[in-house]
Amino acid sequence: QQQQQQQQNDVLPTFKNLKTKQNVTSAACNHTKTKEELEPSVFDILEQLKDSLPIDKNVVLRDSFARQHDYLRISLVERCNLRCQYCMPPDGVPLQPSDDLLLSREEIYTLAALFSKHGVNKVRLTGGEPLLRKDLVEIVSDLKTGLGIPHVGMTTNGVTLKRKLPALVQAGLTHVNISLDSLQKNVFEELTRRQGLTQVLSSIHSACELLPFQRVKLNVVVMKGINDAELEDFCNLTRQLPLDVRFIEWMPFHDNGWNQGRFVSYAQMQTKLQHLQLQRVQDGPNDTTKWWKLPQDNNALGRIGFITSMSDHFCGTCNRLRLTADGKLKACLFGSSEVSLRDALRSGYSTESIEKLIHYAVQRKTFALGGHGSAQGIAKANDNRPMTLIGG
């Protein structure tokens, strides 16, 4: 363990002292610099990392705040078959002009293998809508069988999940999170700008049948005046189904219309549900969720959780990294900093160089909320991708 720490300490000074374009001035350049101009390119970073010590295979992905990262979320596509209000602006988002700019199945395997080598034991596939990826079953098999990653999950809107789930489970899918923000047809269609509630509800039942206990979660983004009157209805789903329902505080992302007036905090949700007399249960390690259950005499099969990213963040125990569909590594959901592993891979850089690049990105991670301080700070900066281009 001391040897591993020494290896990491030997690398850290080199990473921390990298020059960035923000420190370079030019008399001929007086305009306000864009994020791309301020950030060093991946090739600048690799050039400065080339003389640093190699990364030992046993070194885990630990940031400068001693947080170990063993959970990787991989976005497979930018496209989605819904248009959820909190996820993207009304006119949609600018997509990559060609699928060739997205990571291929082989590139996903190569990069996932590097993360696995350095301690990642859980992968979640996201999007966009990951079910739109034609080689999804093969990717699941690559991760579970090919690389032996113990936990391979997926986050989906559930519209087309039911017919594809058996093949995914057979390939090795271990967990599924389904996003659903209303049980009412008219509200669902207002929020998603599409139809499909019946299909999603059917997918939830199928998932509960095919996957073991506590392997199916329902994600509900709560917004005042939109769906906050449905909290009890969602809780009641846990009475009959082995389903964990999670209420998520609405988070600000690029042009998603976030405002304080529609924000519903954890405390406000608790107040709305106090008549149910929920009982607190144990949270897991690195859990983003505060878990509760209906009273024991209800014999509820599932749990009720609250993800309090804005009012009571859990950044201090964050163990997550995100790889976007176009191959950018994001160390923080709320930060704008990205490093292109795709460009490094396609330019022929060695495995050792890409490992250094991954550690560099992890060690630059801010302590909380992308360095913005609060939900209001994130909204004001407005410098992140839309959620659908991050992958959640």
Foldseek 3Di string as FASTA:
>chain_A
DVVLVVLLVQLVVLLVPQDFLLPDDDPVDDDDDDPVNGGHALVSNLVSNVPGDFRDLAHFQAAPLRAGAQEEEEEAELAAPWAFLLQAPPVGDDGDPDLVLFDDLVRVLVVVLSNVSRHHQEYEYFFNALVVDPCSLVSLLCVCVVNVRQAYEYEHQQQPCLVCVVSNVVSPHAAYEHEDADLDQVLRCVRGVDGRNVRNVVSQVSCQVRHDQPRYEYEHEAWPPRRLVCPVVVLVVQLPTSYEYEYEWRFDAFNSPDDPVTTAAPVNSCVVCVVQVWAWDDDDQQDQWGWTHGDVVSVGNYIYTYRGCFPDNDLQNHNYWYAFRSAWIALDPLAADTHHLPVCVVVPHDPSSSSSVSSSNSHVQDRGRNPQPGRVSSNVVNNHHRNNRGGD
